[in-house]
Amino acid sequence: MAKKTFESALARLEKITEELENGDLSLEASLKKFDEGIQLTEFCNAKLTEARTKVEILLEKNGRLKAEPFDEIEHGD
């Protein structure tokens, strides 16, 4: 079995979302898809947290840059 990646999990989650939005599944099938979607969401969130931690560590090692949480960085829109 191939190793699950963030990209493959996200693609599968998008497919599940389409299938659920379509509304053609039985209640039992919908619940199974929903459960799979929850698991994929948790996997993706863990991968994003891992990536955020790595970025903060890299910024910290530089010494000249300060790691800031992503949600506190203002975007000049």
N, C-alpha and C. Protein backbone atom coordinates (compact mmCIF):
# COMPACT_ATOMS: atom_id res chain seq x y z
N MET A 1 0.85 -1.19 0.00
CA MET A 1 0.00 0.00 0.00
C MET A 1 0.89 1.24 0.00
N ALA A 2 0.57 2.21 -0.85
CA ALA A 2 1.35 3.44 -0.94
C ALA A 2 1.14 4.29 0.31
N LYS A 3 2.19 5.03 0.65
CA LYS A 3 2.12 5.90 1.82
C LYS A 3 1.17 7.06 1.54
N LYS A 4 0.30 7.34 2.50
CA LYS A 4 -0.67 8.42 2.33
C LYS A 4 0.05 9.77 2.46
N THR A 5 -0.22 10.65 1.53
CA THR A 5 0.36 11.99 1.56
C THR A 5 -0.75 13.00 1.82
N PHE A 6 -0.34 14.21 2.17
CA PHE A 6 -1.30 15.28 2.37
C PHE A 6 -2.13 15.49 1.10
N GLU A 7 -1.43 15.51 -0.05
CA GLU A 7 -2.11 15.76 -1.32
C GLU A 7 -3.12 14.66 -1.66
N SER A 8 -2.75 13.41 -1.44
CA SER A 8 -3.68 12.32 -1.76
C SER A 8 -4.87 12.32 -0.79
N ALA A 9 -4.61 12.65 0.47
CA ALA A 9 -5.69 12.71 1.46
C ALA A 9 -6.64 13.85 1.13
N LEU A 10 -6.09 14.99 0.72
CA LEU A 10 -6.92 16.14 0.37
C LEU A 10 -7.77 15.85 -0.87
N ALA A 11 -7.16 15.19 -1.86
CA ALA A 11 -7.90 14.82 -3.07
C ALA A 11 -9.05 13.87 -2.74
N ARG A 12 -8.79 12.91 -1.86
CA ARG A 12 -9.83 11.96 -1.46
C ARG A 12 -10.94 12.69 -0.69
N LEU A 13 -10.54 13.61 0.16
CA LEU A 13 -11.52 14.38 0.94
C LEU A 13 -12.41 15.21 0.01
N GLU A 14 -11.82 15.78 -1.03
CA GLU A 14 -12.61 16.53 -2.01
C GLU A 14 -13.59 15.62 -2.73
N LYS A 15 -13.15 14.41 -3.07
CA LYS A 15 -14.03 13.44 -3.74
C LYS A 15 -15.19 13.05 -2.84
N ILE A 16 -14.89 12.80 -1.57
CA ILE A 16 -15.94 12.44 -0.61
C ILE A 16 -16.95 13.57 -0.47
N THR A 17 -16.45 14.80 -0.42
CA THR A 17 -17.33 15.96 -0.30
C THR A 17 -18.28 16.04 -1.49
N GLU A 18 -17.75 15.82 -2.69
CA GLU A 18 -18.60 15.82 -3.89
C GLU A 18 -19.66 14.73 -3.80
N GLU A 19 -19.26 13.54 -3.37
CA GLU A 19 -20.20 12.42 -3.28
C GLU A 19 -21.30 12.71 -2.26
N LEU A 20 -20.94 13.30 -1.13
CA LEU A 20 -21.94 13.62 -0.12
C LEU A 20 -22.86 14.75 -0.58
N GLU A 21 -22.31 15.74 -1.25
CA GLU A 21 -23.11 16.85 -1.75
C GLU A 21 -24.08 16.40 -2.84
N ASN A 22 -23.68 15.38 -3.59
CA ASN A 22 -24.51 14.87 -4.67
C ASN A 22 -25.82 14.28 -4.11
N GLY A 23 -25.76 13.69 -2.93
CA GLY A 23 -26.96 13.19 -2.26
C GLY A 23 -27.50 11.88 -2.78
N ASP A 24 -26.73 11.14 -3.57
CA ASP A 24 -27.21 9.88 -4.14
C ASP A 24 -26.89 8.66 -3.28
N LEU A 25 -26.22 8.86 -2.17
CA LEU A 25 -25.81 7.74 -1.31
C LEU A 25 -26.89 7.41 -0.29
N SER A 26 -26.90 6.16 0.12
CA SER A 26 -27.80 5.77 1.20
C SER A 26 -27.30 6.38 2.49
N LEU A 27 -28.12 6.33 3.51
CA LEU A 27 -27.73 6.88 4.81
C LEU A 27 -26.49 6.16 5.33
N GLU A 28 -26.48 4.84 5.23
CA GLU A 28 -25.33 4.05 5.72
C GLU A 28 -24.06 4.41 4.95
N ALA A 29 -24.16 4.50 3.63
CA ALA A 29 -23.00 4.85 2.82
C ALA A 29 -22.53 6.27 3.13
N SER A 30 -23.47 7.18 3.33
CA SER A 30 -23.13 8.56 3.68
C SER A 30 -22.38 8.63 5.00
N LEU A 31 -22.83 7.86 5.97
CA LEU A 31 -22.16 7.85 7.28
C LEU A 31 -20.74 7.30 7.17
N LYS A 32 -20.56 6.27 6.34
CA LYS A 32 -19.22 5.71 6.14
C LYS A 32 -18.31 6.74 5.47
N LYS A 33 -18.83 7.44 4.47
CA LYS A 33 -18.05 8.46 3.79
C LYS A 33 -17.72 9.61 4.74
N PHE A 34 -18.71 9.99 5.55
CA PHE A 34 -18.49 11.06 6.52
C PHE A 34 -17.39 10.67 7.51
N ASP A 35 -17.44 9.44 7.99
CA ASP A 35 -16.42 8.96 8.93
C ASP A 35 -15.04 8.98 8.28
N GLU A 36 -14.95 8.52 7.05
CA GLU A 36 -13.68 8.54 6.33
C GLU A 36 -13.20 9.99 6.17
N GLY A 37 -14.13 10.89 5.87
CA GLY A 37 -13.78 12.29 5.73
C GLY A 37 -13.23 12.90 7.01
N ILE A 38 -13.81 12.53 8.14
CA ILE A 38 -13.32 13.02 9.43
C ILE A 38 -11.89 12.53 9.65
N GLN A 39 -11.63 11.27 9.37
CA GLN A 39 -10.28 10.72 9.53
C GLN A 39 -9.28 11.42 8.61
N LEU A 40 -9.68 11.69 7.39
CA LEU A 40 -8.81 12.38 6.45
C LEU A 40 -8.54 13.82 6.90
N THR A 41 -9.57 14.47 7.45
CA THR A 41 -9.41 15.83 7.96
C THR A 41 -8.41 15.86 9.10
N GLU A 42 -8.51 14.89 10.00
CA GLU A 42 -7.57 14.82 11.12
C GLU A 42 -6.15 14.58 10.62
N PHE A 43 -5.99 13.72 9.62
CA PHE A 43 -4.68 13.46 9.03
C PHE A 43 -4.11 14.74 8.40
N CYS A 44 -4.93 15.45 7.62
CA CYS A 44 -4.47 16.68 6.98
C CYS A 44 -4.10 17.75 8.01
N ASN A 45 -4.90 17.89 9.05
CA ASN A 45 -4.60 18.85 10.10
C ASN A 45 -3.28 18.52 10.78
N ALA A 46 -3.03 17.24 11.01
CA ALA A 46 -1.76 16.83 11.64
C ALA A 46 -0.58 17.17 10.72
N LYS A 47 -0.74 16.93 9.43
CA LYS A 47 0.33 17.24 8.48
C LYS A 47 0.59 18.75 8.42
N LEU A 48 -0.47 19.55 8.46
CA LEU A 48 -0.30 21.00 8.44
C LEU A 48 0.38 21.50 9.71
N THR A 49 0.01 20.92 10.84
CA THR A 49 0.66 21.29 12.10
C THR A 49 2.14 20.93 12.08
N GLU A 50 2.44 19.76 11.53
CA GLU A 50 3.83 19.32 11.40
C GLU A 50 4.62 20.29 10.50
N ALA A 51 4.03 20.70 9.40
CA ALA A 51 4.69 21.62 8.48
C ALA A 51 4.91 22.98 9.15
N ARG A 52 3.91 23.46 9.87
CA ARG A 52 4.03 24.74 10.57
C ARG A 52 5.16 24.69 11.59
N THR A 53 5.27 23.59 12.31
CA THR A 53 6.34 23.43 13.30
C THR A 53 7.70 23.45 12.62
N LYS A 54 7.83 22.76 11.49
CA LYS A 54 9.10 22.75 10.77
C LYS A 54 9.49 24.14 10.30
N VAL A 55 8.53 24.91 9.79
CA VAL A 55 8.80 26.26 9.34
C VAL A 55 9.27 27.12 10.51
N GLU A 56 8.60 27.01 11.64
CA GLU A 56 8.99 27.79 12.81
C GLU A 56 10.38 27.42 13.30
N ILE A 57 10.73 26.15 13.25
CA ILE A 57 12.06 25.70 13.66
C ILE A 57 13.11 26.27 12.70
N LEU A 58 12.83 26.23 11.40
CA LEU A 58 13.77 26.77 10.42
C LEU A 58 13.96 28.27 10.61
N LEU A 59 12.90 28.97 10.87
CA LEU A 59 13.01 30.41 11.10
C LEU A 59 13.79 30.71 12.36
N GLU A 60 13.59 29.89 13.38
CA GLU A 60 14.28 30.07 14.65
C GLU A 60 15.78 29.84 14.50
N LYS A 61 16.17 28.87 13.69
CA LYS A 61 17.58 28.54 13.49
C LYS A 61 18.34 29.69 12.82
N ASN A 62 17.67 30.43 11.99
CA ASN A 62 18.30 31.52 11.27
C ASN A 62 18.81 32.59 12.23
N GLY A 63 18.14 32.81 13.31
CA GLY A 63 18.57 33.77 14.31
C GLY A 63 18.15 35.20 14.01
N ARG A 64 18.00 35.54 12.77
CA ARG A 64 17.61 36.89 12.41
C ARG A 64 16.11 37.02 12.22
N LEU A 65 15.45 35.91 12.01
CA LEU A 65 14.01 35.94 11.79
C LEU A 65 13.29 35.41 13.01
N LYS A 66 12.13 35.94 13.26
CA LYS A 66 11.33 35.51 14.40
C LYS A 66 10.13 34.71 13.91
N ALA A 67 9.95 33.54 14.48
CA ALA A 67 8.79 32.72 14.12
C ALA A 67 7.54 33.32 14.74
N GLU A 68 6.52 33.51 13.91
CA GLU A 68 5.25 34.02 14.39
C GLU A 68 4.17 33.04 13.96
N PRO A 69 3.17 32.83 14.80
CA PRO A 69 2.07 31.96 14.40
C PRO A 69 1.42 32.49 13.12
N PHE A 70 1.05 31.60 12.22
CA PHE A 70 0.50 31.99 10.94
C PHE A 70 -0.76 32.84 11.08
N ASP A 71 -1.60 32.55 12.06
CA ASP A 71 -2.87 33.26 12.19
C ASP A 71 -2.68 34.69 12.70
N GLU A 72 -1.51 35.05 13.18
CA GLU A 72 -1.27 36.40 13.66
C GLU A 72 -0.59 37.28 12.63
N ILE A 73 -0.16 36.70 11.53
CA ILE A 73 0.49 37.48 10.49
C ILE A 73 -0.59 38.18 9.68
N GLU A 74 -0.46 39.50 9.57
CA GLU A 74 -1.46 40.27 8.81
C GLU A 74 -1.05 40.29 7.36
N HIS A 75 -2.04 40.10 6.51
CA HIS A 75 -1.81 40.14 5.07
C HIS A 75 -2.29 41.50 4.57
N GLY A 76 -1.47 42.19 3.84
CA GLY A 76 -1.81 43.51 3.33
C GLY A 76 -2.76 43.46 2.16
N ASP A 77 -3.98 43.07 2.39
CA ASP A 77 -4.98 42.98 1.30
C ASP A 77 -5.61 44.33 1.05
